[in-house]
Amino acid sequence: MSVKESSAVGVFNTHLDAESAVKELQKSGYDMKKLSVVGKDYHSEENVVGYYNTGDRMATWGKFGLFWGWLWGLLFGSAFFLIPGIGPVMVGGPLVSWILGALELSVITGGLTAFGGALASIGIPKDSVIRYETALKADKFVLIVHGTLMEVEKAKSILLSNKAEAADVHEYATAHHVM
């Protein structure tokens, strides 16, 4: 069955700007299970970076530990990936399963990373995928809002009003998948 799906993708320079956008989406009643956030995490000699999940409890360390811990309490799914070409990446939301699907199916083609392969697998055009990969490599945060065209148009305005340096809406026909 083919259905129309849409995503609004916002790029943020800081985790604080991304957090502000997530809080605004939450206040507006947006379904947090349809939200994905991805960003690089950092480590240094004196800081352990990692996370673990035991039931409904999660702990993180590192420069953005509090940010990721808070987000993972809201979002559906979380993971830490070491993506060649990008580095250590934290992911929350449905994008986690799409990255795993891209890795399992080896759909990563044309020089895209696992992150890019996941975005391409849900119908985001390759030129946009490359822009989002580049933003991630430049230590920015990518927030993806999934839903109907009307939902993501509203989300786009929330992203832009919360300091997104860019926000795009992508509409595509795709085989229906569970979010």
N, C-alpha and C. Protein backbone atom coordinates (compact mmCIF):
# COMPACT_ATOMS: atom_id res chain seq x y z
N MET A 1 0.84 -1.18 0.00
CA MET A 1 0.00 0.00 0.00
C MET A 1 0.88 1.24 0.00
N SER A 2 0.63 2.13 -0.92
CA SER A 2 1.42 3.35 -1.02
C SER A 2 0.61 4.51 -0.43
N VAL A 3 1.27 5.28 0.42
CA VAL A 3 0.61 6.43 1.05
C VAL A 3 1.52 7.64 0.94
N LYS A 4 0.92 8.83 1.08
CA LYS A 4 1.72 10.06 1.11
C LYS A 4 2.19 10.29 2.54
N GLU A 5 3.46 10.52 2.70
CA GLU A 5 4.02 10.84 3.99
C GLU A 5 4.83 12.11 3.84
N SER A 6 5.03 12.79 4.95
CA SER A 6 5.77 14.05 4.92
C SER A 6 6.71 14.14 6.10
N SER A 7 7.75 14.91 5.92
CA SER A 7 8.69 15.20 7.00
C SER A 7 9.12 16.65 6.91
N ALA A 8 9.28 17.27 8.05
CA ALA A 8 9.92 18.58 8.12
C ALA A 8 11.28 18.33 8.76
N VAL A 9 12.33 18.80 8.14
CA VAL A 9 13.68 18.59 8.64
C VAL A 9 14.29 19.95 8.97
N GLY A 10 14.70 20.11 10.23
CA GLY A 10 15.33 21.35 10.66
C GLY A 10 16.77 21.10 11.06
N VAL A 11 17.62 22.05 10.74
CA VAL A 11 19.04 21.98 11.10
C VAL A 11 19.31 23.07 12.14
N PHE A 12 19.92 22.68 13.25
CA PHE A 12 20.18 23.60 14.35
C PHE A 12 21.67 23.66 14.65
N ASN A 13 22.15 24.86 14.96
CA ASN A 13 23.57 25.05 15.27
C ASN A 13 23.95 24.53 16.64
N THR A 14 23.02 24.54 17.60
CA THR A 14 23.35 24.11 18.96
C THR A 14 22.29 23.17 19.50
N HIS A 15 22.69 22.40 20.52
CA HIS A 15 21.72 21.51 21.15
C HIS A 15 20.65 22.31 21.89
N LEU A 16 20.99 23.51 22.36
CA LEU A 16 20.00 24.35 23.06
C LEU A 16 18.89 24.80 22.11
N ASP A 17 19.25 25.15 20.87
CA ASP A 17 18.24 25.54 19.89
C ASP A 17 17.36 24.34 19.53
N ALA A 18 17.96 23.17 19.35
CA ALA A 18 17.19 21.96 19.05
C ALA A 18 16.25 21.64 20.21
N GLU A 19 16.76 21.76 21.43
CA GLU A 19 15.95 21.48 22.63
C GLU A 19 14.76 22.44 22.70
N SER A 20 14.99 23.70 22.41
CA SER A 20 13.92 24.70 22.41
C SER A 20 12.83 24.32 21.41
N ALA A 21 13.22 23.87 20.22
CA ALA A 21 12.26 23.46 19.20
C ALA A 21 11.46 22.24 19.66
N VAL A 22 12.13 21.27 20.28
CA VAL A 22 11.44 20.07 20.77
C VAL A 22 10.41 20.47 21.83
N LYS A 23 10.81 21.35 22.75
CA LYS A 23 9.89 21.79 23.81
C LYS A 23 8.68 22.50 23.20
N GLU A 24 8.90 23.32 22.18
CA GLU A 24 7.79 24.03 21.53
C GLU A 24 6.87 23.06 20.80
N LEU A 25 7.44 22.05 20.14
CA LEU A 25 6.62 21.03 19.48
C LEU A 25 5.79 20.26 20.51
N GLN A 26 6.41 19.95 21.64
CA GLN A 26 5.71 19.23 22.70
C GLN A 26 4.55 20.07 23.24
N LYS A 27 4.81 21.37 23.48
CA LYS A 27 3.77 22.28 23.98
C LYS A 27 2.60 22.40 23.00
N SER A 28 2.90 22.33 21.70
CA SER A 28 1.85 22.47 20.69
C SER A 28 1.06 21.17 20.51
N GLY A 29 1.40 20.13 21.26
CA GLY A 29 0.66 18.87 21.21
C GLY A 29 1.14 17.88 20.17
N TYR A 30 2.32 18.13 19.59
CA TYR A 30 2.82 17.22 18.57
C TYR A 30 3.16 15.86 19.18
N ASP A 31 2.90 14.78 18.46
CA ASP A 31 3.17 13.42 18.92
C ASP A 31 4.69 13.18 18.94
N MET A 32 5.26 13.07 20.12
CA MET A 32 6.71 12.92 20.27
C MET A 32 7.22 11.62 19.66
N LYS A 33 6.35 10.64 19.43
CA LYS A 33 6.78 9.38 18.80
C LYS A 33 7.06 9.55 17.32
N LYS A 34 6.71 10.71 16.77
CA LYS A 34 6.95 10.99 15.34
C LYS A 34 8.09 11.98 15.16
N LEU A 35 8.93 12.11 16.16
CA LEU A 35 10.02 13.08 16.13
C LEU A 35 11.34 12.35 16.23
N SER A 36 12.29 12.69 15.39
CA SER A 36 13.65 12.13 15.46
C SER A 36 14.65 13.26 15.63
N VAL A 37 15.68 13.02 16.43
CA VAL A 37 16.75 13.99 16.63
C VAL A 37 18.06 13.25 16.46
N VAL A 38 18.99 13.87 15.75
CA VAL A 38 20.31 13.26 15.57
C VAL A 38 21.37 14.34 15.73
N GLY A 39 22.46 13.98 16.38
CA GLY A 39 23.57 14.91 16.57
C GLY A 39 24.82 14.15 16.95
N LYS A 40 25.94 14.77 16.73
CA LYS A 40 27.20 14.15 17.13
C LYS A 40 27.39 14.34 18.62
N ASP A 41 28.05 13.39 19.24
CA ASP A 41 28.42 13.54 20.64
C ASP A 41 29.93 13.57 20.68
N TYR A 42 30.45 14.06 21.77
CA TYR A 42 31.88 14.31 21.85
C TYR A 42 32.45 13.58 23.05
N HIS A 43 33.72 13.34 22.99
CA HIS A 43 34.39 12.80 24.16
C HIS A 43 35.78 13.39 24.25
N SER A 44 36.30 13.37 25.43
CA SER A 44 37.67 13.80 25.64
C SER A 44 38.29 12.83 26.61
N GLU A 45 39.54 12.99 26.89
CA GLU A 45 40.24 12.08 27.77
C GLU A 45 39.56 11.95 29.13
N GLU A 46 39.04 13.06 29.67
CA GLU A 46 38.48 13.01 31.02
C GLU A 46 36.99 12.70 31.08
N ASN A 47 36.30 12.66 29.95
CA ASN A 47 34.87 12.38 29.97
C ASN A 47 34.56 11.07 29.26
N VAL A 48 33.88 10.18 29.96
CA VAL A 48 33.41 8.94 29.35
C VAL A 48 32.16 9.28 28.57
N VAL A 49 32.04 8.77 27.37
CA VAL A 49 30.85 8.98 26.58
C VAL A 49 30.17 7.63 26.39
N GLY A 50 28.89 7.59 26.66
CA GLY A 50 28.16 6.35 26.45
C GLY A 50 26.75 6.51 26.97
N TYR A 51 25.98 5.46 26.80
CA TYR A 51 24.66 5.45 27.40
C TYR A 51 24.25 4.01 27.59
N TYR A 52 23.34 3.81 28.48
CA TYR A 52 22.76 2.49 28.62
C TYR A 52 21.28 2.64 28.93
N ASN A 53 20.55 1.59 28.64
CA ASN A 53 19.11 1.59 28.85
C ASN A 53 18.77 0.35 29.65
N THR A 54 18.19 0.52 30.83
CA THR A 54 17.74 -0.61 31.62
C THR A 54 16.26 -0.40 31.90
N GLY A 55 15.44 -1.09 31.13
CA GLY A 55 14.00 -0.89 31.25
C GLY A 55 13.65 0.50 30.79
N ASP A 56 13.04 1.28 31.67
CA ASP A 56 12.67 2.64 31.28
C ASP A 56 13.65 3.67 31.81
N ARG A 57 14.80 3.21 32.32
CA ARG A 57 15.82 4.14 32.81
C ARG A 57 16.96 4.22 31.82
N MET A 58 17.47 5.41 31.63
CA MET A 58 18.57 5.60 30.70
C MET A 58 19.57 6.56 31.32
N ALA A 59 20.83 6.30 31.12
CA ALA A 59 21.87 7.20 31.61
C ALA A 59 22.81 7.54 30.47
N THR A 60 23.31 8.77 30.46
CA THR A 60 24.26 9.20 29.44
C THR A 60 25.37 9.98 30.10
N TRP A 61 26.50 10.01 29.41
CA TRP A 61 27.61 10.83 29.85
C TRP A 61 28.10 11.62 28.65
N GLY A 62 28.96 12.54 28.91
CA GLY A 62 29.53 13.32 27.81
C GLY A 62 29.03 14.75 27.85
N LYS A 63 29.50 15.53 26.90
CA LYS A 63 29.21 16.96 26.85
C LYS A 63 27.71 17.26 26.84
N PHE A 64 26.93 16.45 26.12
CA PHE A 64 25.49 16.71 25.99
C PHE A 64 24.66 15.65 26.71
N GLY A 65 25.20 15.03 27.75
CA GLY A 65 24.52 13.96 28.46
C GLY A 65 23.13 14.32 28.96
N LEU A 66 22.99 15.51 29.58
CA LEU A 66 21.68 15.92 30.08
C LEU A 66 20.68 16.13 28.94
N PHE A 67 21.15 16.72 27.85
CA PHE A 67 20.30 16.95 26.68
C PHE A 67 19.76 15.62 26.14
N TRP A 68 20.65 14.66 25.90
CA TRP A 68 20.22 13.38 25.34
C TRP A 68 19.36 12.61 26.33
N GLY A 69 19.70 12.63 27.61
CA GLY A 69 18.90 11.94 28.61
C GLY A 69 17.48 12.47 28.64
N TRP A 70 17.32 13.80 28.57
CA TRP A 70 16.01 14.42 28.55
C TRP A 70 15.24 14.01 27.29
N LEU A 71 15.92 14.09 26.12
CA LEU A 71 15.26 13.76 24.86
C LEU A 71 14.81 12.31 24.82
N TRP A 72 15.66 11.40 25.28
CA TRP A 72 15.33 9.99 25.21
C TRP A 72 14.14 9.64 26.10
N GLY A 73 13.86 10.45 27.09
CA GLY A 73 12.66 10.25 27.89
C GLY A 73 11.40 10.59 27.12
N LEU A 74 11.52 11.42 26.08
CA LEU A 74 10.37 11.86 25.27
C LEU A 74 10.18 11.04 24.00
N LEU A 75 11.28 10.65 23.39
CA LEU A 75 11.22 10.08 22.05
C LEU A 75 11.07 8.56 22.07
N PHE A 76 10.67 8.02 20.93
CA PHE A 76 10.45 6.60 20.77
C PHE A 76 11.70 5.96 20.18
N GLY A 77 12.56 5.36 21.00
CA GLY A 77 13.77 4.72 20.53
C GLY A 77 14.98 5.62 20.67
N SER A 78 16.13 5.01 20.98
CA SER A 78 17.37 5.77 21.10
C SER A 78 18.55 4.86 20.81
N ALA A 79 19.64 5.47 20.34
CA ALA A 79 20.82 4.67 20.00
C ALA A 79 22.05 5.56 19.90
N PHE A 80 23.19 4.92 19.99
CA PHE A 80 24.49 5.54 19.75
C PHE A 80 25.12 4.77 18.61
N PHE A 81 25.52 5.45 17.55
CA PHE A 81 26.18 4.81 16.41
C PHE A 81 27.53 5.47 16.18
N LEU A 82 28.49 4.70 15.74
CA LEU A 82 29.75 5.24 15.25
C LEU A 82 29.67 5.11 13.73
N ILE A 83 29.36 6.23 13.05
CA ILE A 83 29.14 6.21 11.61
C ILE A 83 30.40 6.68 10.89
N PRO A 84 31.01 5.79 10.10
CA PRO A 84 32.20 6.19 9.35
C PRO A 84 31.91 7.43 8.50
N GLY A 85 32.82 8.37 8.52
CA GLY A 85 32.65 9.61 7.77
C GLY A 85 31.99 10.70 8.57
N ILE A 86 31.31 10.33 9.67
CA ILE A 86 30.67 11.33 10.52
C ILE A 86 31.23 11.27 11.94
N GLY A 87 31.33 10.07 12.50
CA GLY A 87 31.84 9.91 13.85
C GLY A 87 30.77 9.44 14.80
N PRO A 88 30.96 9.68 16.12
CA PRO A 88 29.99 9.22 17.11
C PRO A 88 28.70 10.05 17.02
N VAL A 89 27.58 9.35 16.84
CA VAL A 89 26.30 10.01 16.63
C VAL A 89 25.26 9.45 17.59
N MET A 90 24.50 10.35 18.21
CA MET A 90 23.39 9.98 19.07
C MET A 90 22.11 10.19 18.27
N VAL A 91 21.18 9.23 18.36
CA VAL A 91 19.95 9.30 17.59
C VAL A 91 18.78 8.95 18.50
N GLY A 92 17.69 9.71 18.38
CA GLY A 92 16.46 9.38 19.09
C GLY A 92 15.29 9.46 18.15
N GLY A 93 14.32 8.57 18.31
CA GLY A 93 13.11 8.58 17.50
C GLY A 93 13.07 7.49 16.46
N PRO A 94 12.08 7.53 15.56
CA PRO A 94 11.92 6.49 14.55
C PRO A 94 13.13 6.33 13.63
N LEU A 95 13.95 7.36 13.53
CA LEU A 95 15.14 7.29 12.68
C LEU A 95 16.06 6.15 13.12
N VAL A 96 16.05 5.77 14.40
CA VAL A 96 16.88 4.66 14.89
C VAL A 96 16.58 3.40 14.09
N SER A 97 15.29 3.04 13.99
CA SER A 97 14.95 1.81 13.28
C SER A 97 15.23 1.93 11.78
N TRP A 98 15.09 3.14 11.23
CA TRP A 98 15.38 3.31 9.81
C TRP A 98 16.87 3.18 9.53
N ILE A 99 17.73 3.65 10.44
CA ILE A 99 19.18 3.46 10.27
C ILE A 99 19.49 1.97 10.34
N LEU A 100 18.91 1.27 11.32
CA LEU A 100 19.14 -0.17 11.43
C LEU A 100 18.66 -0.89 10.17
N GLY A 101 17.51 -0.48 9.65
CA GLY A 101 17.00 -1.07 8.42
C GLY A 101 17.93 -0.82 7.25
N ALA A 102 18.47 0.39 7.15
CA ALA A 102 19.40 0.72 6.07
C ALA A 102 20.66 -0.13 6.19
N LEU A 103 21.13 -0.36 7.42
CA LEU A 103 22.32 -1.19 7.62
C LEU A 103 22.04 -2.65 7.29
N GLU A 104 20.89 -3.15 7.74
CA GLU A 104 20.54 -4.55 7.49
C GLU A 104 20.33 -4.84 6.02
N LEU A 105 19.71 -3.91 5.31
CA LEU A 105 19.40 -4.12 3.90
C LEU A 105 20.52 -3.65 2.98
N SER A 106 21.55 -3.06 3.56
CA SER A 106 22.67 -2.52 2.79
C SER A 106 22.19 -1.59 1.69
N VAL A 107 21.24 -0.69 2.03
CA VAL A 107 20.73 0.24 1.03
C VAL A 107 21.60 1.49 0.93
N ILE A 108 22.72 1.47 1.60
CA ILE A 108 23.60 2.64 1.58
C ILE A 108 24.35 2.64 0.25
N THR A 109 24.00 3.62 -0.59
CA THR A 109 24.59 3.68 -1.92
C THR A 109 25.00 5.11 -2.23
N GLY A 110 25.74 5.25 -3.27
CA GLY A 110 26.08 6.57 -3.76
C GLY A 110 26.85 7.43 -2.78
N GLY A 111 27.65 6.81 -1.91
CA GLY A 111 28.48 7.56 -0.98
C GLY A 111 27.74 8.05 0.25
N LEU A 112 26.49 7.63 0.47
CA LEU A 112 25.74 8.05 1.64
C LEU A 112 26.18 7.24 2.87
N THR A 113 26.07 7.87 4.03
CA THR A 113 26.34 7.16 5.28
C THR A 113 25.08 6.39 5.68
N ALA A 114 25.15 5.65 6.80
CA ALA A 114 23.97 4.96 7.32
C ALA A 114 22.86 5.95 7.62
N PHE A 115 23.22 7.13 8.12
CA PHE A 115 22.25 8.19 8.39
C PHE A 115 21.58 8.61 7.08
N GLY A 116 22.40 8.86 6.06
CA GLY A 116 21.87 9.26 4.76
C GLY A 116 21.04 8.17 4.11
N GLY A 117 21.48 6.92 4.24
CA GLY A 117 20.72 5.80 3.70
C GLY A 117 19.36 5.68 4.34
N ALA A 118 19.28 5.95 5.65
CA ALA A 118 18.00 5.91 6.36
C ALA A 118 17.07 7.00 5.84
N LEU A 119 17.60 8.21 5.66
CA LEU A 119 16.78 9.31 5.15
C LEU A 119 16.30 9.01 3.73
N ALA A 120 17.20 8.49 2.89
CA ALA A 120 16.84 8.16 1.51
C ALA A 120 15.77 7.06 1.49
N SER A 121 15.85 6.11 2.45
CA SER A 121 14.90 5.00 2.47
C SER A 121 13.48 5.45 2.79
N ILE A 122 13.33 6.63 3.41
CA ILE A 122 11.98 7.13 3.68
C ILE A 122 11.56 8.17 2.65
N GLY A 123 12.35 8.33 1.59
CA GLY A 123 11.94 9.16 0.48
C GLY A 123 12.49 10.57 0.43
N ILE A 124 13.42 10.91 1.30
CA ILE A 124 14.00 12.26 1.24
C ILE A 124 14.99 12.29 0.07
N PRO A 125 14.89 13.30 -0.80
CA PRO A 125 15.75 13.37 -1.99
C PRO A 125 17.24 13.43 -1.65
N LYS A 126 18.04 12.82 -2.54
CA LYS A 126 19.47 12.68 -2.29
C LYS A 126 20.17 14.02 -2.06
N ASP A 127 19.82 15.08 -2.81
CA ASP A 127 20.49 16.36 -2.61
C ASP A 127 20.23 16.90 -1.20
N SER A 128 19.03 16.69 -0.69
CA SER A 128 18.72 17.12 0.68
C SER A 128 19.45 16.24 1.69
N VAL A 129 19.49 14.94 1.43
CA VAL A 129 20.20 14.02 2.32
C VAL A 129 21.65 14.45 2.48
N ILE A 130 22.29 14.80 1.38
CA ILE A 130 23.70 15.22 1.42
C ILE A 130 23.86 16.49 2.25
N ARG A 131 22.90 17.43 2.14
CA ARG A 131 22.95 18.64 2.98
C ARG A 131 22.86 18.29 4.46
N TYR A 132 21.97 17.34 4.82
CA TYR A 132 21.80 16.97 6.22
C TYR A 132 23.03 16.21 6.75
N GLU A 133 23.62 15.37 5.90
CA GLU A 133 24.86 14.69 6.31
C GLU A 133 25.97 15.72 6.55
N THR A 134 26.08 16.70 5.68
CA THR A 134 27.09 17.75 5.81
C THR A 134 26.87 18.55 7.10
N ALA A 135 25.62 18.86 7.42
CA ALA A 135 25.30 19.58 8.66
C ALA A 135 25.72 18.76 9.88
N LEU A 136 25.44 17.47 9.84
CA LEU A 136 25.81 16.59 10.95
C LEU A 136 27.34 16.53 11.10
N LYS A 137 28.04 16.43 9.99
CA LYS A 137 29.51 16.41 10.03
C LYS A 137 30.06 17.71 10.61
N ALA A 138 29.31 18.81 10.45
CA ALA A 138 29.73 20.13 10.95
C ALA A 138 29.23 20.36 12.39
N ASP A 139 28.90 19.26 13.08
CA ASP A 139 28.51 19.31 14.50
C ASP A 139 27.19 20.00 14.75
N LYS A 140 26.30 19.99 13.77
CA LYS A 140 24.98 20.57 13.95
C LYS A 140 24.00 19.46 14.35
N PHE A 141 22.80 19.85 14.74
CA PHE A 141 21.77 18.90 15.15
C PHE A 141 20.66 18.90 14.11
N VAL A 142 20.17 17.71 13.77
CA VAL A 142 19.11 17.57 12.78
C VAL A 142 17.88 17.03 13.48
N LEU A 143 16.78 17.74 13.34
CA LEU A 143 15.52 17.37 13.95
C LEU A 143 14.54 17.05 12.83
N ILE A 144 13.93 15.87 12.87
CA ILE A 144 13.03 15.43 11.81
C ILE A 144 11.65 15.20 12.40
N VAL A 145 10.66 15.87 11.85
CA VAL A 145 9.28 15.75 12.29
C VAL A 145 8.51 15.01 11.20
N HIS A 146 7.93 13.87 11.56
CA HIS A 146 7.20 13.04 10.60
C HIS A 146 5.70 13.23 10.82
N GLY A 147 4.92 13.15 9.74
CA GLY A 147 3.47 13.25 9.89
C GLY A 147 2.79 13.62 8.60
N THR A 148 1.56 14.12 8.73
CA THR A 148 0.81 14.57 7.56
C THR A 148 1.42 15.88 7.06
N LEU A 149 1.10 16.24 5.85
CA LEU A 149 1.63 17.49 5.29
C LEU A 149 1.23 18.68 6.17
N MET A 150 -0.01 18.69 6.66
CA MET A 150 -0.45 19.79 7.51
C MET A 150 0.34 19.83 8.82
N GLU A 151 0.59 18.66 9.42
CA GLU A 151 1.37 18.61 10.67
C GLU A 151 2.79 19.12 10.46
N VAL A 152 3.42 18.68 9.37
CA VAL A 152 4.82 19.06 9.19
C VAL A 152 4.97 20.51 8.73
N GLU A 153 3.97 21.06 8.05
CA GLU A 153 4.01 22.49 7.70
C GLU A 153 3.97 23.32 8.98
N LYS A 154 3.12 22.94 9.93
CA LYS A 154 3.05 23.62 11.22
C LYS A 154 4.37 23.45 11.97
N ALA A 155 4.91 22.23 11.94
CA ALA A 155 6.18 21.96 12.61
C ALA A 155 7.31 22.80 12.01
N LYS A 156 7.31 22.96 10.68
CA LYS A 156 8.35 23.76 10.03
C LYS A 156 8.37 25.18 10.59
N SER A 157 7.20 25.78 10.78
CA SER A 157 7.17 27.14 11.32
C SER A 157 7.70 27.16 12.75
N ILE A 158 7.42 26.10 13.52
CA ILE A 158 7.96 26.01 14.89
C ILE A 158 9.48 25.87 14.85
N LEU A 159 9.99 25.06 13.93
CA LEU A 159 11.45 24.89 13.80
C LEU A 159 12.11 26.23 13.47
N LEU A 160 11.54 26.94 12.50
CA LEU A 160 12.13 28.22 12.09
C LEU A 160 12.05 29.27 13.19
N SER A 161 10.96 29.26 13.96
CA SER A 161 10.83 30.25 15.04
C SER A 161 11.71 29.90 16.24
N ASN A 162 12.35 28.73 16.21
CA ASN A 162 13.26 28.32 17.28
C ASN A 162 14.69 28.20 16.77
N LYS A 163 15.06 29.09 15.88
CA LYS A 163 16.44 29.26 15.41
C LYS A 163 16.98 28.14 14.51
N ALA A 164 16.10 27.41 13.82
CA ALA A 164 16.61 26.47 12.82
C ALA A 164 17.29 27.30 11.74
N GLU A 165 18.50 26.92 11.37
CA GLU A 165 19.17 27.67 10.29
C GLU A 165 18.54 27.34 8.95
N ALA A 166 17.90 26.19 8.87
CA ALA A 166 17.17 25.78 7.67
C ALA A 166 16.09 24.81 8.10
N ALA A 167 14.98 24.82 7.39
CA ALA A 167 13.91 23.85 7.62
C ALA A 167 13.23 23.59 6.29
N ASP A 168 13.12 22.32 5.93
CA ASP A 168 12.53 21.92 4.65
C ASP A 168 11.41 20.93 4.90
N VAL A 169 10.40 20.97 4.04
CA VAL A 169 9.34 19.97 4.08
C VAL A 169 9.54 19.05 2.88
N HIS A 170 9.47 17.75 3.14
CA HIS A 170 9.59 16.75 2.08
C HIS A 170 8.31 15.93 2.10
N GLU A 171 7.67 15.82 0.95
CA GLU A 171 6.47 14.98 0.82
C GLU A 171 6.80 13.90 -0.19
N TYR A 172 6.42 12.67 0.11
CA TYR A 172 6.78 11.57 -0.76
C TYR A 172 5.78 10.44 -0.63
N ALA A 173 5.67 9.67 -1.69
CA ALA A 173 4.87 8.45 -1.67
C ALA A 173 5.81 7.32 -1.26
N THR A 174 5.38 6.52 -0.33
CA THR A 174 6.22 5.43 0.14
C THR A 174 5.34 4.28 0.58
N ALA A 175 5.92 3.10 0.62
CA ALA A 175 5.19 1.96 1.19
C ALA A 175 4.95 2.29 2.64
N HIS A 176 3.78 2.02 3.14
CA HIS A 176 3.43 2.38 4.52
C HIS A 176 4.30 1.60 5.49
N HIS A 177 4.89 2.31 6.45
CA HIS A 177 5.65 1.66 7.52
C HIS A 177 5.13 2.16 8.85
N VAL A 178 5.32 1.36 9.87
CA VAL A 178 4.82 1.70 11.20
C VAL A 178 5.76 2.67 11.87
N MET A 179 5.19 3.73 12.48
CA MET A 179 6.02 4.68 13.23
C MET A 179 5.77 4.51 14.69
